[in-house]
């Protein structure tokens, strides 16, 4: 990411392990993105970005807060089914890619790909989907910054798996 790339976001919010960028399109959230901790903050540029920033900040202090943001229509019908199933996983709990795949009549890899394509992380809590024997990947990454974000999010939600180091 270049130094000025944060300008592409309608807000950039601070979190302990990362920054969270928000993009809006009209009256809907178009995308939420995990950004490296050194990314410059950006004040909300519009009312929807302000609303999203306040809700994301509230989640950072209270993992039980509920989001009520208007989300842009995104993804394939299958991805939307996966995202709907992810949305039903309660805070502090996880489901495996395999469990969701069986529930949806699919394959774990397809569920993982849909998780990685989620344009609304936190609101659609894809960090709550893990491998059968560990954290698994996150946002199409198997290591590095994104896995640390997943570990932080699960820890923030008091999920015991967050302490595991194995993937």
C-alpha atoms as a PDB file:
ATOM      1  CA  UNK A   1       0.000   0.000   0.000  1.00  0.00           C
ATOM      2  CA  UNK A   2       1.421   3.376  -0.943  1.00  0.00           C
ATOM      3  CA  UNK A   3       1.581   6.240   1.534  1.00  0.00           C
ATOM      4  CA  UNK A   4      -1.445   7.996   0.047  1.00  0.00           C
ATOM      5  CA  UNK A   5      -3.553   4.870  -0.491  1.00  0.00           C
ATOM      6  CA  UNK A   6      -5.516   5.571   2.707  1.00  0.00           C
ATOM      7  CA  UNK A   7      -7.063   8.458   0.771  1.00  0.00           C
ATOM      8  CA  UNK A   8      -9.149   5.828  -1.041  1.00  0.00           C
ATOM      9  CA  UNK A   9     -11.097   5.199   2.166  1.00  0.00           C
ATOM     10  CA  UNK A  10     -13.988   7.234   3.512  1.00  0.00           C
ATOM     11  CA  UNK A  11     -12.675   6.545   7.042  1.00  0.00           C
ATOM     12  CA  UNK A  12      -9.690   4.797   8.609  1.00  0.00           C
ATOM     13  CA  UNK A  13     -10.148   3.755  12.237  1.00  0.00           C
ATOM     14  CA  UNK A  14      -7.534   2.712  14.813  1.00  0.00           C
ATOM     15  CA  UNK A  15      -7.622  -0.732  16.411  1.00  0.00           C
ATOM     16  CA  UNK A  16      -4.996  -2.246  18.702  1.00  0.00           C
ATOM     17  CA  UNK A  17      -3.698  -4.688  16.068  1.00  0.00           C
ATOM     18  CA  UNK A  18      -4.545  -2.860  12.847  1.00  0.00           C
ATOM     19  CA  UNK A  19      -6.392  -0.059  11.162  1.00  0.00           C
ATOM     20  CA  UNK A  20      -9.808  -0.590   9.608  1.00  0.00           C
ATOM     21  CA  UNK A  21     -10.635   1.185   6.363  1.00  0.00           C
ATOM     22  CA  UNK A  22     -14.218   1.869   5.284  1.00  0.00           C
ATOM     23  CA  UNK A  23     -15.399   2.625   1.757  1.00  0.00           C
ATOM     24  CA  UNK A  24     -18.910   3.821   1.043  1.00  0.00           C
ATOM     25  CA  UNK A  25     -20.882   3.945  -2.186  1.00  0.00           C
ATOM     26  CA  UNK A  26     -23.973   6.090  -2.038  1.00  0.00           C
ATOM     27  CA  UNK A  27     -26.111   4.936   0.855  1.00  0.00           C
ATOM     28  CA  UNK A  28     -24.279   1.632   1.514  1.00  0.00           C
ATOM     29  CA  UNK A  29     -21.004   0.335   2.871  1.00  0.00           C
ATOM     30  CA  UNK A  30     -19.039  -0.892  -0.151  1.00  0.00           C
ATOM     31  CA  UNK A  31     -16.096  -2.425   1.684  1.00  0.00           C
ATOM     32  CA  UNK A  32     -14.352  -2.792   5.025  1.00  0.00           C
ATOM     33  CA  UNK A  33     -10.618  -3.548   4.876  1.00  0.00           C
ATOM     34  CA  UNK A  34      -7.978  -4.543   7.432  1.00  0.00           C
ATOM     35  CA  UNK A  35      -4.941  -2.289   7.063  1.00  0.00           C
ATOM     36  CA  UNK A  36      -1.464  -2.391   8.643  1.00  0.00           C
ATOM     37  CA  UNK A  37      -1.116  -0.538  11.969  1.00  0.00           C
ATOM     38  CA  UNK A  38       1.060   2.196  10.439  1.00  0.00           C
ATOM     39  CA  UNK A  39      -1.681   3.267   8.007  1.00  0.00           C
ATOM     40  CA  UNK A  40      -2.605   6.912   8.662  1.00  0.00           C
ATOM     41  CA  UNK A  41      -5.995   7.512  10.249  1.00  0.00           C
ATOM     42  CA  UNK A  42      -8.638   9.325   8.224  1.00  0.00           C
ATOM     43  CA  UNK A  43     -11.642  11.135   9.641  1.00  0.00           C
ATOM     44  CA  UNK A  44     -15.007  10.065   8.208  1.00  0.00           C
ATOM     45  CA  UNK A  45     -15.821  11.898   4.962  1.00  0.00           C
ATOM     46  CA  UNK A  46     -19.583  11.419   5.002  1.00  0.00           C
ATOM     47  CA  UNK A  47     -22.471  10.555   7.310  1.00  0.00           C
ATOM     48  CA  UNK A  48     -22.424   6.847   6.500  1.00  0.00           C
ATOM     49  CA  UNK A  49     -18.664   6.626   7.061  1.00  0.00           C
ATOM     50  CA  UNK A  50     -19.211   8.410  10.392  1.00  0.00           C
ATOM     51  CA  UNK A  51     -21.918   5.912  11.345  1.00  0.00           C
ATOM     52  CA  UNK A  52     -19.677   2.992  10.367  1.00  0.00           C
ATOM     53  CA  UNK A  53     -16.718   4.459  12.268  1.00  0.00           C
ATOM     54  CA  UNK A  54     -18.770   4.836  15.458  1.00  0.00           C
ATOM     55  CA  UNK A  55     -20.050   1.247  15.245  1.00  0.00           C
ATOM     56  CA  UNK A  56     -16.590  -0.144  14.495  1.00  0.00           C
ATOM     57  CA  UNK A  57     -15.128   1.837  17.403  1.00  0.00           C
ATOM     58  CA  UNK A  58     -17.866   0.495  19.670  1.00  0.00           C
ATOM     59  CA  UNK A  59     -16.984  -3.083  18.631  1.00  0.00           C
ATOM     60  CA  UNK A  60     -13.329  -2.374  19.515  1.00  0.00           C
ATOM     61  CA  UNK A  61     -14.399  -1.753  23.126  1.00  0.00           C
ATOM     62  CA  UNK A  62     -17.422  -4.085  23.276  1.00  0.00           C
ATOM     63  CA  UNK A  63     -17.330  -7.254  21.140  1.00  0.00           C
ATOM     64  CA  UNK A  64     -21.024  -7.810  21.885  1.00  0.00           C
ATOM     65  CA  UNK A  65     -22.161  -4.672  20.081  1.00  0.00           C
ATOM     66  CA  UNK A  66     -24.400  -5.218  17.068  1.00  0.00           C
ATOM     67  CA  UNK A  67     -23.853  -3.679  13.664  1.00  0.00           C
ATOM     68  CA  UNK A  68     -26.755  -2.195  11.734  1.00  0.00           C
ATOM     69  CA  UNK A  69     -24.976  -0.845   8.678  1.00  0.00           C
ATOM     70  CA  UNK A  70     -26.467  -0.898   5.178  1.00  0.00           C
ATOM     71  CA  UNK A  71     -24.224  -3.187   3.131  1.00  0.00           C
ATOM     72  CA  UNK A  72     -23.893  -2.988  -0.642  1.00  0.00           C
ATOM     73  CA  UNK A  73     -25.060  -6.051  -2.515  1.00  0.00           C
ATOM     74  CA  UNK A  74     -21.946  -8.085  -3.174  1.00  0.00           C
ATOM     75  CA  UNK A  75     -20.808 -11.582  -4.000  1.00  0.00           C
ATOM     76  CA  UNK A  76     -22.235 -14.594  -5.743  1.00  0.00           C
ATOM     77  CA  UNK A  77     -25.332 -16.379  -4.447  1.00  0.00           C
ATOM     78  CA  UNK A  78     -23.054 -19.023  -2.876  1.00  0.00           C
ATOM     79  CA  UNK A  79     -20.856 -16.404  -1.191  1.00  0.00           C
ATOM     80  CA  UNK A  80     -23.933 -14.695   0.221  1.00  0.00           C
ATOM     81  CA  UNK A  81     -25.123 -18.060   1.633  1.00  0.00           C
ATOM     82  CA  UNK A  82     -21.736 -18.556   3.308  1.00  0.00           C
ATOM     83  CA  UNK A  83     -21.763 -14.996   4.671  1.00  0.00           C
ATOM     84  CA  UNK A  84     -25.263 -15.561   6.037  1.00  0.00           C
ATOM     85  CA  UNK A  85     -24.098 -18.716   7.830  1.00  0.00           C
ATOM     86  CA  UNK A  86     -21.075 -16.849   9.207  1.00  0.00           C
ATOM     87  CA  UNK A  87     -23.355 -14.128  10.526  1.00  0.00           C
ATOM     88  CA  UNK A  88     -25.087 -16.675  12.757  1.00  0.00           C
ATOM     89  CA  UNK A  89     -21.890 -17.684  14.604  1.00  0.00           C
ATOM     90  CA  UNK A  90     -22.085 -16.085  18.063  1.00  0.00           C
ATOM     91  CA  UNK A  91     -19.272 -14.049  19.579  1.00  0.00           C
ATOM     92  CA  UNK A  92     -16.704 -16.199  21.366  1.00  0.00           C
ATOM     93  CA  UNK A  93     -17.520 -19.234  19.228  1.00  0.00           C
ATOM     94  CA  UNK A  94     -16.042 -20.601  16.030  1.00  0.00           C
ATOM     95  CA  UNK A  95     -17.107 -23.021  13.313  1.00  0.00           C
ATOM     96  CA  UNK A  96     -14.794 -24.893  11.003  1.00  0.00           C
ATOM     97  CA  UNK A  97     -14.709 -24.546   7.245  1.00  0.00           C
ATOM     98  CA  UNK A  98     -15.753 -28.213   7.103  1.00  0.00           C
ATOM     99  CA  UNK A  99     -18.743 -27.732   9.423  1.00  0.00           C
ATOM    100  CA  UNK A 100     -20.037 -24.842   7.332  1.00  0.00           C
ATOM    101  CA  UNK A 101     -19.382 -26.788   4.126  1.00  0.00           C
ATOM    102  CA  UNK A 102     -21.450 -29.742   5.354  1.00  0.00           C
ATOM    103  CA  UNK A 103     -24.243 -27.398   6.438  1.00  0.00           C
ATOM    104  CA  UNK A 104     -24.232 -25.686   3.035  1.00  0.00           C
ATOM    105  CA  UNK A 105     -23.724 -28.838   0.939  1.00  0.00           C
ATOM    106  CA  UNK A 106     -20.360 -27.623  -0.303  1.00  0.00           C
ATOM    107  CA  UNK A 107     -16.625 -28.158   0.175  1.00  0.00           C
ATOM    108  CA  UNK A 108     -14.369 -26.615   2.841  1.00  0.00           C
ATOM    109  CA  UNK A 109     -12.157 -24.957   0.222  1.00  0.00           C
ATOM    110  CA  UNK A 110     -15.179 -23.243  -1.357  1.00  0.00           C
ATOM    111  CA  UNK A 111     -16.254 -21.977   2.064  1.00  0.00           C
ATOM    112  CA  UNK A 112     -12.715 -20.704   2.676  1.00  0.00           C
ATOM    113  CA  UNK A 113     -12.712 -18.876  -0.648  1.00  0.00           C
ATOM    114  CA  UNK A 114     -16.059 -17.259   0.186  1.00  0.00           C
ATOM    115  CA  UNK A 115     -14.717 -16.227   3.607  1.00  0.00           C
ATOM    116  CA  UNK A 116     -11.689 -14.634   1.951  1.00  0.00           C
ATOM    117  CA  UNK A 117     -13.926 -12.747  -0.477  1.00  0.00           C
ATOM    118  CA  UNK A 118     -16.021 -11.227   2.330  1.00  0.00           C
ATOM    119  CA  UNK A 119     -16.080  -7.456   1.694  1.00  0.00           C
ATOM    120  CA  UNK A 120     -17.539  -6.680   5.148  1.00  0.00           C
ATOM    121  CA  UNK A 121     -15.285  -8.239   7.805  1.00  0.00           C
ATOM    122  CA  UNK A 122     -16.303  -7.546  11.389  1.00  0.00           C
ATOM    123  CA  UNK A 123     -19.891  -6.926  10.267  1.00  0.00           C
ATOM    124  CA  UNK A 124     -19.838 -10.410   8.683  1.00  0.00           C
ATOM    125  CA  UNK A 125     -17.462 -12.049  11.192  1.00  0.00           C
ATOM    126  CA  UNK A 126     -15.429 -14.355   8.941  1.00  0.00           C
ATOM    127  CA  UNK A 127     -12.711 -14.451  11.623  1.00  0.00           C
ATOM    128  CA  UNK A 128     -15.003 -16.912  13.448  1.00  0.00           C
ATOM    129  CA  UNK A 129     -14.396 -19.562  10.771  1.00  0.00           C
ATOM    130  CA  UNK A 130     -11.335 -21.704  11.461  1.00  0.00           C
ATOM    131  CA  UNK A 131      -9.579 -24.840  10.276  1.00  0.00           C
ATOM    132  CA  UNK A 132     -10.375 -28.194  11.857  1.00  0.00           C
ATOM    133  CA  UNK A 133      -7.074 -28.090  13.780  1.00  0.00           C
ATOM    134  CA  UNK A 134      -6.213 -24.433  14.286  1.00  0.00           C
ATOM    135  CA  UNK A 135      -6.844 -20.930  13.068  1.00  0.00           C
ATOM    136  CA  UNK A 136      -6.657 -21.598   9.350  1.00  0.00           C
ATOM    137  CA  UNK A 137      -6.056 -18.715   6.989  1.00  0.00           C
ATOM    138  CA  UNK A 138      -7.592 -15.291   6.881  1.00  0.00           C
ATOM    139  CA  UNK A 139      -8.527 -12.974   4.017  1.00  0.00           C
ATOM    140  CA  UNK A 140      -6.703 -15.237   1.526  1.00  0.00           C
ATOM    141  CA  UNK A 141      -3.522 -15.199   3.668  1.00  0.00           C
ATOM    142  CA  UNK A 142      -1.981 -18.170   5.478  1.00  0.00           C
ATOM    143  CA  UNK A 143       0.461 -16.176   7.626  1.00  0.00           C
ATOM    144  CA  UNK A 144       1.625 -12.709   8.597  1.00  0.00           C
ATOM    145  CA  UNK A 145      -0.346  -9.586   9.399  1.00  0.00           C
ATOM    146  CA  UNK A 146      -3.782 -10.970   8.515  1.00  0.00           C
ATOM    147  CA  UNK A 147      -3.385 -14.006  10.753  1.00  0.00           C
ATOM    148  CA  UNK A 148      -2.375 -11.718  13.627  1.00  0.00           C
ATOM    149  CA  UNK A 149      -5.560  -9.712  12.974  1.00  0.00           C
ATOM    150  CA  UNK A 150      -7.633 -12.915  13.141  1.00  0.00           C
ATOM    151  CA  UNK A 151      -5.891 -13.933  16.367  1.00  0.00           C
ATOM    152  CA  UNK A 152      -6.533 -10.487  17.884  1.00  0.00           C
ATOM    153  CA  UNK A 153     -10.218 -10.506  16.884  1.00  0.00           C
ATOM    154  CA  UNK A 154     -10.811 -13.961  18.362  1.00  0.00           C
ATOM    155  CA  UNK A 155      -8.945 -12.973  21.520  1.00  0.00           C
ATOM    156  CA  UNK A 156     -11.008  -9.789  21.744  1.00  0.00           C
ATOM    157  CA  UNK A 157     -14.104 -11.985  21.611  1.00  0.00           C
ATOM    158  CA  UNK A 158     -12.689 -14.274  24.345  1.00  0.00           C
ATOM    159  CA  UNK A 159     -12.379 -17.258  22.033  1.00  0.00           C
ATOM    160  CA  UNK A 160      -9.853 -19.814  23.408  1.00  0.00           C
ATOM    161  CA  UNK A 161      -8.587 -20.801  19.947  1.00  0.00           C
ATOM    162  CA  UNK A 162      -6.969 -17.374  19.607  1.00  0.00           C
ATOM    163  CA  UNK A 163      -4.057 -18.525  21.758  1.00  0.00           C
ATOM    164  CA  UNK A 164      -3.121 -21.374  19.390  1.00  0.00           C
ATOM    165  CA  UNK A 165      -0.127 -20.687  17.188  1.00  0.00           C
ATOM    166  CA  UNK A 166      -0.489 -23.620  14.782  1.00  0.00           C
ATOM    167  CA  UNK A 167      -2.277 -23.074  11.511  1.00  0.00           C
END
